[in-house]
Amino acid sequence: MADMNTKTSSGLPFMKMHGLGNDFVVVDARVHPVEISPALARGIAHRQFGMGFDQLAVIENGAADAHLTFYNADGSTSAACGNATRCIARWLMDECDKAELHLTTDRGDLFARDAGHGLTSVNMGHPQLLWNEVPLAEEMDTLELPIEGAPTATGMGNPHCTFFVEDAEQVRLEEFGGRLEHHPLYPERTNVQVAQLIAPNHLRMRVWERGVGITLASGSSSCATAVAAARRGLTSRKVQIDLDGGTLWIDWREDGVWMTGNTMHVANGVFTSEFLASLT
């Protein structure tokens, strides 16, 4: 297998990881910087002609332990990706034998820690609750938007639109999420969640990610949903969220929104020079 710290002339090393089935290609660019173009990201993202991912993450040197940059499957960038942050944090903690990390992203400073029992926690920062922080196209109360279903808007470094429904399984998410992603109230598009309260402080959630589509899990979406549920008085600030790929535990504390769950480092590999050249 390729050493992720060695970029050879024959290709580009990468790792494949997932958090509850929310899957990522990770490139360690700390030793050998790599420029990710939209075309390269889209090519790697293709599940038949490339490797396939929900997000591509690049690890770079920075003022903290590492800086992370995220790309969606359509080649666009995202300031935040909670599950990828957890996966990379686990790998970096194992690499440097630390129990806590300080990471930076376009979202800002994020802090990660070993939660024990194979779980990893990341503080995703304070939620953005004002209309111009999410951002929305015009000034309004973010608690209940003037959209059918009265969803809640939340920013977690990326925009979110959360609908609370009686039965999340019955929502035709492919049609529903694809339409709402491009709603005119969201100038930067939005992630869309449908959430159902199934027990006190226990939610079932399904997610449509902007620039990706339906995913088995989403960390930032889980954080946004937990914040929205607490704001609407449906739950406390500490909740369990069951997604298609597994369970996350969200705790909205005074220092930010903490997310805890499992991670998986699936494999190491190398993108061949032939494949990379085909994307330029």
C-alpha atoms as a PDB file:
ATOM      1  CA  MET A   1       0.000   0.000   0.000  1.00  0.00           C
ATOM      2  CA  ALA A   2       1.078   3.577  -0.625  1.00  0.00           C
ATOM      3  CA  ASP A   3       2.490   5.710   2.155  1.00  0.00           C
ATOM      4  CA  MET A   4       0.239   8.795   2.270  1.00  0.00           C
ATOM      5  CA  ASN A   5       3.288  10.988   2.920  1.00  0.00           C
ATOM      6  CA  THR A   6       4.901   9.977  -0.372  1.00  0.00           C
ATOM      7  CA  LYS A   7       3.714  11.323  -3.704  1.00  0.00           C
ATOM      8  CA  THR A   8       5.450   9.414  -6.460  1.00  0.00           C
ATOM      9  CA  SER A   9       5.832  10.303 -10.126  1.00  0.00           C
ATOM     10  CA  SER A  10       3.475   7.441 -10.925  1.00  0.00           C
ATOM     11  CA  GLY A  11       0.432   8.928  -9.203  1.00  0.00           C
ATOM     12  CA  LEU A  12      -1.205  10.517  -6.194  1.00  0.00           C
ATOM     13  CA  PRO A  13      -1.669   8.585  -2.920  1.00  0.00           C
ATOM     14  CA  PHE A  14      -5.051   8.795  -1.207  1.00  0.00           C
ATOM     15  CA  MET A  15      -7.103   7.228   1.580  1.00  0.00           C
ATOM     16  CA  LYS A  16     -10.712   6.097   1.534  1.00  0.00           C
ATOM     17  CA  MET A  17     -12.654   6.693   4.752  1.00  0.00           C
ATOM     18  CA  HIS A  18     -16.244   6.845   5.877  1.00  0.00           C
ATOM     19  CA  GLY A  19     -18.281   8.023   8.820  1.00  0.00           C
ATOM     20  CA  LEU A  20     -21.506   5.981   8.972  1.00  0.00           C
ATOM     21  CA  GLY A  21     -21.398   5.433   5.219  1.00  0.00           C
ATOM     22  CA  ASN A  22     -20.801   9.120   4.477  1.00  0.00           C
ATOM     23  CA  ASP A  23     -17.699   8.421   2.387  1.00  0.00           C
ATOM     24  CA  PHE A  24     -14.590  10.419   1.623  1.00  0.00           C
ATOM     25  CA  VAL A  25     -11.439  10.431  -0.432  1.00  0.00           C
ATOM     26  CA  VAL A  26      -8.659  12.009   1.635  1.00  0.00           C
ATOM     27  CA  VAL A  27      -5.408  13.381   0.203  1.00  0.00           C
ATOM     28  CA  ASP A  28      -2.540  14.236   2.550  1.00  0.00           C
ATOM     29  CA  ALA A  29      -0.903  17.287   0.973  1.00  0.00           C
ATOM     30  CA  ARG A  30       1.254  18.281   3.944  1.00  0.00           C
ATOM     31  CA  VAL A  31       4.460  16.974   2.374  1.00  0.00           C
ATOM     32  CA  HIS A  32       3.589  17.273  -1.319  1.00  0.00           C
ATOM     33  CA  PRO A  33       0.976  19.979  -2.022  1.00  0.00           C
ATOM     34  CA  VAL A  34      -1.606  19.165  -4.673  1.00  0.00           C
ATOM     35  CA  GLU A  35      -3.934  21.536  -6.514  1.00  0.00           C
ATOM     36  CA  ILE A  36      -7.517  20.283  -6.657  1.00  0.00           C
ATOM     37  CA  SER A  37      -9.435  21.677  -9.622  1.00  0.00           C
ATOM     38  CA  PRO A  38     -13.217  21.275  -9.954  1.00  0.00           C
ATOM     39  CA  ALA A  39     -12.612  18.881 -12.870  1.00  0.00           C
ATOM     40  CA  LEU A  40     -10.246  16.748 -10.783  1.00  0.00           C
ATOM     41  CA  ALA A  41     -12.707  16.626  -7.871  1.00  0.00           C
ATOM     42  CA  ARG A  42     -15.587  15.647 -10.167  1.00  0.00           C
ATOM     43  CA  GLY A  43     -13.488  12.972 -11.855  1.00  0.00           C
ATOM     44  CA  ILE A  44     -12.431  11.367  -8.597  1.00  0.00           C
ATOM     45  CA  ALA A  45     -16.017  11.592  -7.324  1.00  0.00           C
ATOM     46  CA  HIS A  46     -17.485   9.561 -10.190  1.00  0.00           C
ATOM     47  CA  ARG A  47     -18.441   6.158  -8.796  1.00  0.00           C
ATOM     48  CA  GLN A  48     -17.943   4.334 -12.101  1.00  0.00           C
ATOM     49  CA  PHE A  49     -15.071   6.212 -13.787  1.00  0.00           C
ATOM     50  CA  GLY A  50     -13.303   7.393 -10.620  1.00  0.00           C
ATOM     51  CA  MET A  51     -13.142   6.358  -6.970  1.00  0.00           C
ATOM     52  CA  GLY A  52     -16.402   7.831  -5.709  1.00  0.00           C
ATOM     53  CA  PHE A  53     -17.011  10.004  -2.657  1.00  0.00           C
ATOM     54  CA  ASP A  54     -19.514  12.248  -0.935  1.00  0.00           C
ATOM     55  CA  GLN A  55     -16.699  14.690  -0.136  1.00  0.00           C
ATOM     56  CA  LEU A  56     -13.024  15.006  -0.992  1.00  0.00           C
ATOM     57  CA  ALA A  57     -10.830  16.254   1.872  1.00  0.00           C
ATOM     58  CA  VAL A  58      -7.303  17.644   1.591  1.00  0.00           C
ATOM     59  CA  ILE A  59      -5.004  17.728   4.639  1.00  0.00           C
ATOM     60  CA  GLU A  60      -2.555  20.641   4.593  1.00  0.00           C
ATOM     61  CA  ASN A  61      -0.041  22.198   6.947  1.00  0.00           C
ATOM     62  CA  GLY A  62      -1.275  25.134   8.974  1.00  0.00           C
ATOM     63  CA  ALA A  63      -0.893  27.044  12.214  1.00  0.00           C
ATOM     64  CA  ALA A  64      -2.714  24.239  14.074  1.00  0.00           C
ATOM     65  CA  ASP A  65      -2.197  20.464  13.884  1.00  0.00           C
ATOM     66  CA  ALA A  66      -3.552  20.520  10.317  1.00  0.00           C
ATOM     67  CA  HIS A  67      -5.760  22.496   7.947  1.00  0.00           C
ATOM     68  CA  LEU A  68      -8.623  20.727   6.123  1.00  0.00           C
ATOM     69  CA  THR A  69     -10.223  21.745   2.829  1.00  0.00           C
ATOM     70  CA  PHE A  70     -13.384  20.052   1.518  1.00  0.00           C
ATOM     71  CA  TYR A  71     -14.826  19.542  -1.964  1.00  0.00           C
ATOM     72  CA  ASN A  72     -18.277  18.258  -2.905  1.00  0.00           C
ATOM     73  CA  ALA A  73     -18.887  15.645  -5.577  1.00  0.00           C
ATOM     74  CA  ASP A  74     -19.855  18.352  -8.093  1.00  0.00           C
ATOM     75  CA  GLY A  75     -16.478  20.070  -7.655  1.00  0.00           C
ATOM     76  CA  SER A  76     -17.728  22.899  -5.457  1.00  0.00           C
ATOM     77  CA  THR A  77     -16.137  23.607  -2.085  1.00  0.00           C
ATOM     78  CA  SER A  78     -17.642  23.369   1.387  1.00  0.00           C
ATOM     79  CA  ALA A  79     -16.354  25.135   4.489  1.00  0.00           C
ATOM     80  CA  ALA A  80     -17.424  22.280   6.758  1.00  0.00           C
ATOM     81  CA  CYS A  81     -17.754  18.506   6.688  1.00  0.00           C
ATOM     82  CA  GLY A  82     -18.299  17.029  10.110  1.00  0.00           C
ATOM     83  CA  ASN A  83     -17.909  13.326   9.390  1.00  0.00           C
ATOM     84  CA  ALA A  84     -14.783  13.842   7.279  1.00  0.00           C
ATOM     85  CA  THR A  85     -13.338  15.977  10.072  1.00  0.00           C
ATOM     86  CA  ARG A  86     -13.968  13.165  12.563  1.00  0.00           C
ATOM     87  CA  CYS A  87     -12.426  10.538  10.263  1.00  0.00           C
ATOM     88  CA  ILE A  88      -9.301  12.594   9.614  1.00  0.00           C
ATOM     89  CA  ALA A  89      -9.021  13.586  13.276  1.00  0.00           C
ATOM     90  CA  ARG A  90      -9.023   9.916  14.274  1.00  0.00           C
ATOM     91  CA  TRP A  91      -6.307   9.134  11.717  1.00  0.00           C
ATOM     92  CA  LEU A  92      -4.179  12.119  12.796  1.00  0.00           C
ATOM     93  CA  MET A  93      -4.573  11.290  16.498  1.00  0.00           C
ATOM     94  CA  ASP A  94      -3.357   7.767  15.808  1.00  0.00           C
ATOM     95  CA  GLU A  95      -0.511   9.118  13.658  1.00  0.00           C
ATOM     96  CA  CYS A  96       0.815  11.571  16.241  1.00  0.00           C
ATOM     97  CA  ASP A  97      -0.314   9.679  19.366  1.00  0.00           C
ATOM     98  CA  LYS A  98      -2.500  12.505  20.668  1.00  0.00           C
ATOM     99  CA  ALA A  99      -5.892  12.378  22.372  1.00  0.00           C
ATOM    100  CA  GLU A 100      -6.844  15.918  21.292  1.00  0.00           C
ATOM    101  CA  LEU A 101      -6.291  17.963  18.135  1.00  0.00           C
ATOM    102  CA  HIS A 102      -6.650  21.545  16.966  1.00  0.00           C
ATOM    103  CA  LEU A 103      -7.744  21.697  13.316  1.00  0.00           C
ATOM    104  CA  THR A 104      -8.515  24.637  11.058  1.00  0.00           C
ATOM    105  CA  THR A 105     -10.998  24.783   8.174  1.00  0.00           C
ATOM    106  CA  ASP A 106     -12.672  27.528   6.174  1.00  0.00           C
ATOM    107  CA  ARG A 107     -15.360  27.234   8.855  1.00  0.00           C
ATOM    108  CA  GLY A 108     -12.800  28.225  11.497  1.00  0.00           C
ATOM    109  CA  ASP A 109     -11.002  26.470  14.336  1.00  0.00           C
ATOM    110  CA  LEU A 110     -12.285  23.003  15.215  1.00  0.00           C
ATOM    111  CA  PHE A 111     -11.222  20.846  18.127  1.00  0.00           C
ATOM    112  CA  ALA A 112     -11.303  17.051  18.173  1.00  0.00           C
ATOM    113  CA  ARG A 113     -10.810  14.482  20.915  1.00  0.00           C
ATOM    114  CA  ASP A 114     -10.781  10.753  21.479  1.00  0.00           C
ATOM    115  CA  ALA A 115     -14.136   9.948  23.110  1.00  0.00           C
ATOM    116  CA  GLY A 116     -13.155   6.385  24.015  1.00  0.00           C
ATOM    117  CA  HIS A 117     -14.646   3.080  22.874  1.00  0.00           C
ATOM    118  CA  GLY A 118     -13.553   3.788  19.290  1.00  0.00           C
ATOM    119  CA  LEU A 119     -15.578   7.014  19.118  1.00  0.00           C
ATOM    120  CA  THR A 120     -14.287  10.405  17.996  1.00  0.00           C
ATOM    121  CA  SER A 121     -15.732  13.796  18.959  1.00  0.00           C
ATOM    122  CA  VAL A 122     -15.381  17.082  17.074  1.00  0.00           C
ATOM    123  CA  ASN A 123     -16.538  20.523  18.155  1.00  0.00           C
ATOM    124  CA  MET A 124     -18.127  21.950  15.001  1.00  0.00           C
ATOM    125  CA  GLY A 125     -18.279  25.462  16.446  1.00  0.00           C
ATOM    126  CA  HIS A 126     -21.186  27.704  17.295  1.00  0.00           C
ATOM    127  CA  PRO A 127     -24.246  27.514  15.022  1.00  0.00           C
ATOM    128  CA  GLN A 128     -25.022  30.492  12.822  1.00  0.00           C
ATOM    129  CA  LEU A 129     -28.586  31.533  13.595  1.00  0.00           C
ATOM    130  CA  LEU A 130     -28.966  34.939  11.922  1.00  0.00           C
ATOM    131  CA  TRP A 131     -30.354  35.149   8.379  1.00  0.00           C
ATOM    132  CA  ASN A 132     -27.196  36.725   6.935  1.00  0.00           C
ATOM    133  CA  GLU A 133     -24.966  34.130   8.608  1.00  0.00           C
ATOM    134  CA  VAL A 134     -26.720  31.063   7.152  1.00  0.00           C
ATOM    135  CA  PRO A 135     -26.905  32.859   4.626  1.00  0.00           C
ATOM    136  CA  LEU A 136     -30.433  33.575   3.393  1.00  0.00           C
ATOM    137  CA  ALA A 137     -31.360  35.908   0.546  1.00  0.00           C
ATOM    138  CA  GLU A 138     -33.293  38.349   2.732  1.00  0.00           C
ATOM    139  CA  GLU A 139     -33.825  39.257   6.360  1.00  0.00           C
ATOM    140  CA  MET A 140     -36.191  36.950   8.252  1.00  0.00           C
ATOM    141  CA  ASP A 141     -36.575  34.799  11.351  1.00  0.00           C
ATOM    142  CA  THR A 142     -34.591  31.613  10.757  1.00  0.00           C
ATOM    143  CA  LEU A 143     -36.698  29.538  13.169  1.00  0.00           C
ATOM    144  CA  GLU A 144     -39.581  29.049  10.731  1.00  0.00           C
ATOM    145  CA  LEU A 145     -38.995  29.953   7.102  1.00  0.00           C
ATOM    146  CA  PRO A 146     -41.823  31.030   4.760  1.00  0.00           C
ATOM    147  CA  ILE A 147     -41.561  27.692   2.910  1.00  0.00           C
ATOM    148  CA  GLU A 148     -44.240  24.998   2.981  1.00  0.00           C
ATOM    149  CA  GLY A 149     -43.488  22.869   6.014  1.00  0.00           C
ATOM    150  CA  ALA A 150     -41.981  25.843   7.931  1.00  0.00           C
ATOM    151  CA  PRO A 151     -38.393  24.531   8.035  1.00  0.00           C
ATOM    152  CA  THR A 152     -35.630  25.968  10.217  1.00  0.00           C
ATOM    153  CA  ALA A 153     -32.496  27.524   8.732  1.00  0.00           C
ATOM    154  CA  THR A 154     -29.124  26.973  10.404  1.00  0.00           C
ATOM    155  CA  GLY A 155     -25.557  27.683   9.391  1.00  0.00           C
ATOM    156  CA  MET A 156     -22.784  25.301  10.418  1.00  0.00           C
ATOM    157  CA  GLY A 157     -20.163  26.725   8.074  1.00  0.00           C
ATOM    158  CA  ASN A 158     -22.546  25.569   5.342  1.00  0.00           C
ATOM    159  CA  PRO A 159     -26.287  26.285   4.992  1.00  0.00           C
ATOM    160  CA  HIS A 160     -29.009  23.919   6.216  1.00  0.00           C
ATOM    161  CA  CYS A 161     -32.778  23.664   5.865  1.00  0.00           C
ATOM    162  CA  THR A 162     -34.400  21.300   8.387  1.00  0.00           C
ATOM    163  CA  PHE A 163     -37.969  20.000   8.095  1.00  0.00           C
ATOM    164  CA  PHE A 164     -39.616  18.262  11.052  1.00  0.00           C
ATOM    165  CA  VAL A 165     -42.039  15.622   9.801  1.00  0.00           C
ATOM    166  CA  GLU A 166     -44.247  12.873  11.231  1.00  0.00           C
ATOM    167  CA  ASP A 167     -42.587  10.104   9.203  1.00  0.00           C
ATOM    168  CA  ALA A 168     -39.154  10.696   7.689  1.00  0.00           C
ATOM    169  CA  GLU A 169     -39.292   7.405   5.787  1.00  0.00           C
ATOM    170  CA  GLN A 170     -42.274   8.543   3.716  1.00  0.00           C
ATOM    171  CA  VAL A 171     -40.581  11.629   2.277  1.00  0.00           C
ATOM    172  CA  ARG A 172     -39.477  11.199  -1.347  1.00  0.00           C
ATOM    173  CA  LEU A 173     -36.099  12.675  -0.554  1.00  0.00           C
ATOM    174  CA  GLU A 174     -34.576  12.533  -4.022  1.00  0.00           C
ATOM    175  CA  GLU A 175     -37.314  14.753  -5.424  1.00  0.00           C
ATOM    176  CA  PHE A 176     -37.812  16.832  -2.282  1.00  0.00           C
ATOM    177  CA  GLY A 177     -34.150  17.494  -1.511  1.00  0.00           C
ATOM    178  CA  GLY A 178     -33.195  18.161  -5.115  1.00  0.00           C
ATOM    179  CA  ARG A 179     -35.865  20.829  -5.362  1.00  0.00           C
ATOM    180  CA  LEU A 180     -35.177  22.509  -2.009  1.00  0.00           C
ATOM    181  CA  GLU A 181     -31.394  22.600  -2.488  1.00  0.00           C
ATOM    182  CA  HIS A 182     -31.917  25.343  -5.072  1.00  0.00           C
ATOM    183  CA  HIS A 183     -34.631  27.309  -3.231  1.00  0.00           C
ATOM    184  CA  PRO A 184     -34.282  31.062  -3.949  1.00  0.00           C
ATOM    185  CA  LEU A 185     -34.071  31.856  -0.221  1.00  0.00           C
ATOM    186  CA  TYR A 186     -30.680  30.096  -0.207  1.00  0.00           C
ATOM    187  CA  PRO A 187     -28.258  31.963  -2.501  1.00  0.00           C
ATOM    188  CA  GLU A 188     -25.479  29.424  -1.853  1.00  0.00           C
ATOM    189  CA  ARG A 189     -27.856  26.435  -2.128  1.00  0.00           C
ATOM    190  CA  THR A 190     -28.580  24.345   0.959  1.00  0.00           C
ATOM    191  CA  ASN A 191     -28.356  20.960   2.601  1.00  0.00           C
ATOM    192  CA  VAL A 192     -31.827  19.580   3.284  1.00  0.00           C
ATOM    193  CA  GLN A 193     -32.825  17.395   6.233  1.00  0.00           C
ATOM    194  CA  VAL A 194     -36.083  15.674   7.152  1.00  0.00           C
ATOM    195  CA  ALA A 195     -36.227  14.750  10.834  1.00  0.00           C
ATOM    196  CA  GLN A 196     -38.719  12.860  12.962  1.00  0.00           C
ATOM    197  CA  LEU A 197     -38.928  12.810  16.756  1.00  0.00           C
ATOM    198  CA  ILE A 198     -39.108   9.137  17.733  1.00  0.00           C
ATOM    199  CA  ALA A 199     -38.465   9.423  21.493  1.00  0.00           C
ATOM    200  CA  PRO A 200     -37.404  12.145  23.933  1.00  0.00           C
ATOM    201  CA  ASN A 201     -34.078  13.565  22.668  1.00  0.00           C
ATOM    202  CA  HIS A 202     -33.974  10.934  19.921  1.00  0.00           C
ATOM    203  CA  LEU A 203     -34.384  11.856  16.255  1.00  0.00           C
ATOM    204  CA  ARG A 204     -34.511   9.931  12.980  1.00  0.00           C
ATOM    205  CA  MET A 205     -33.001  11.981  10.157  1.00  0.00           C
ATOM    206  CA  ARG A 206     -32.462  11.634   6.431  1.00  0.00           C
ATOM    207  CA  VAL A 207     -30.326  14.048   4.456  1.00  0.00           C
ATOM    208  CA  TRP A 208     -29.804  15.538   1.022  1.00  0.00           C
ATOM    209  CA  GLU A 209     -26.406  17.232   0.696  1.00  0.00           C
ATOM    210  CA  ARG A 210     -25.937  20.142  -1.685  1.00  0.00           C
ATOM    211  CA  GLY A 211     -23.658  19.269  -4.552  1.00  0.00           C
ATOM    212  CA  VAL A 212     -23.892  15.562  -3.695  1.00  0.00           C
ATOM    213  CA  GLY A 213     -27.447  14.240  -3.282  1.00  0.00           C
ATOM    214  CA  ILE A 214     -28.749  11.686  -0.801  1.00  0.00           C
ATOM    215  CA  THR A 215     -26.073  10.525   1.638  1.00  0.00           C
ATOM    216  CA  LEU A 216     -26.171   7.852   4.328  1.00  0.00           C
ATOM    217  CA  ALA A 217     -25.079  10.367   6.966  1.00  0.00           C
ATOM    218  CA  SER A 218     -23.963  13.966   7.400  1.00  0.00           C
ATOM    219  CA  GLY A 219     -22.224  15.410  10.417  1.00  0.00           C
ATOM    220  CA  SER A 220     -22.925  19.087   9.827  1.00  0.00           C
ATOM    221  CA  SER A 221     -26.547  18.230   8.944  1.00  0.00           C
ATOM    222  CA  SER A 222     -26.872  16.327  12.217  1.00  0.00           C
ATOM    223  CA  CYS A 223     -25.516  19.313  14.132  1.00  0.00           C
ATOM    224  CA  ALA A 224     -27.891  21.678  12.337  1.00  0.00           C
ATOM    225  CA  THR A 225     -30.862  19.395  12.992  1.00  0.00           C
ATOM    226  CA  ALA A 226     -30.020  19.088  16.688  1.00  0.00           C
ATOM    227  CA  VAL A 227     -29.757  22.866  16.991  1.00  0.00           C
ATOM    228  CA  ALA A 228     -33.043  23.369  15.137  1.00  0.00           C
ATOM    229  CA  ALA A 229     -34.841  20.794  17.305  1.00  0.00           C
ATOM    230  CA  ALA A 230     -33.600  22.445  20.498  1.00  0.00           C
ATOM    231  CA  ARG A 231     -34.560  25.922  19.277  1.00  0.00           C
ATOM    232  CA  ARG A 232     -38.069  24.715  18.496  1.00  0.00           C
ATOM    233  CA  GLY A 233     -38.444  23.062  21.903  1.00  0.00           C
ATOM    234  CA  LEU A 234     -38.684  19.538  20.486  1.00  0.00           C
ATOM    235  CA  THR A 235     -35.617  18.247  22.324  1.00  0.00           C
ATOM    236  CA  SER A 236     -32.977  19.320  24.801  1.00  0.00           C
ATOM    237  CA  ARG A 237     -29.556  20.368  23.536  1.00  0.00           C
ATOM    238  CA  LYS A 238     -28.196  16.814  23.754  1.00  0.00           C
ATOM    239  CA  VAL A 239     -29.687  14.309  21.315  1.00  0.00           C
ATOM    240  CA  GLN A 240     -29.178  11.004  19.558  1.00  0.00           C
ATOM    241  CA  ILE A 241     -29.676  11.111  15.784  1.00  0.00           C
ATOM    242  CA  ASP A 242     -30.221   7.917  13.784  1.00  0.00           C
ATOM    243  CA  LEU A 243     -29.213   8.231  10.125  1.00  0.00           C
ATOM    244  CA  ASP A 244     -29.361   5.729   7.288  1.00  0.00           C
ATOM    245  CA  GLY A 245     -25.739   4.728   7.994  1.00  0.00           C
ATOM    246  CA  GLY A 246     -25.745   4.716  11.798  1.00  0.00           C
ATOM    247  CA  THR A 247     -25.965   6.925  14.876  1.00  0.00           C
ATOM    248  CA  LEU A 248     -24.399  10.224  15.911  1.00  0.00           C
ATOM    249  CA  TRP A 249     -24.618  11.902  19.294  1.00  0.00           C
ATOM    250  CA  ILE A 250     -24.892  15.706  19.244  1.00  0.00           C
ATOM    251  CA  ASP A 251     -24.367  17.973  22.250  1.00  0.00           C
ATOM    252  CA  TRP A 252     -24.929  21.724  21.819  1.00  0.00           C
ATOM    253  CA  ARG A 253     -22.737  23.142  24.585  1.00  0.00           C
ATOM    254  CA  GLU A 254     -21.639  26.633  25.544  1.00  0.00           C
ATOM    255  CA  ASP A 255     -18.431  26.216  23.537  1.00  0.00           C
ATOM    256  CA  GLY A 256     -20.080  24.894  20.389  1.00  0.00           C
ATOM    257  CA  VAL A 257     -21.829  21.872  18.903  1.00  0.00           C
ATOM    258  CA  TRP A 258     -20.037  18.617  19.700  1.00  0.00           C
ATOM    259  CA  MET A 259     -20.565  15.608  17.459  1.00  0.00           C
ATOM    260  CA  THR A 260     -19.547  12.075  18.425  1.00  0.00           C
ATOM    261  CA  GLY A 261     -19.577   8.852  16.415  1.00  0.00           C
ATOM    262  CA  ASN A 262     -17.682   6.013  14.750  1.00  0.00           C
ATOM    263  CA  THR A 263     -15.163   6.371  11.934  1.00  0.00           C
ATOM    264  CA  MET A 264     -13.600   3.944   9.472  1.00  0.00           C
ATOM    265  CA  HIS A 265     -10.336   4.068   7.513  1.00  0.00           C
ATOM    266  CA  VAL A 266     -11.185   1.686   4.674  1.00  0.00           C
ATOM    267  CA  ALA A 267      -8.126   1.579   2.440  1.00  0.00           C
ATOM    268  CA  ASN A 268      -5.066   3.316   0.997  1.00  0.00           C
ATOM    269  CA  GLY A 269      -4.472   3.627  -2.724  1.00  0.00           C
ATOM    270  CA  VAL A 270      -2.826   5.605  -5.522  1.00  0.00           C
ATOM    271  CA  PHE A 271      -4.483   7.488  -8.351  1.00  0.00           C
ATOM    272  CA  THR A 272      -2.490   6.575 -11.448  1.00  0.00           C
ATOM    273  CA  SER A 273      -0.846   9.182 -13.647  1.00  0.00           C
ATOM    274  CA  GLU A 274      -3.001   7.928 -16.525  1.00  0.00           C
ATOM    275  CA  PHE A 275      -6.204   8.587 -14.558  1.00  0.00           C
ATOM    276  CA  LEU A 276      -5.041  12.004 -13.380  1.00  0.00           C
ATOM    277  CA  ALA A 277      -4.042  13.023 -16.898  1.00  0.00           C
ATOM    278  CA  SER A 278      -7.488  12.067 -18.187  1.00  0.00           C
ATOM    279  CA  LEU A 279      -9.042  14.725 -15.931  1.00  0.00           C
ATOM    280  CA  THR A 280      -6.974  17.682 -17.120  1.00  0.00           C
END
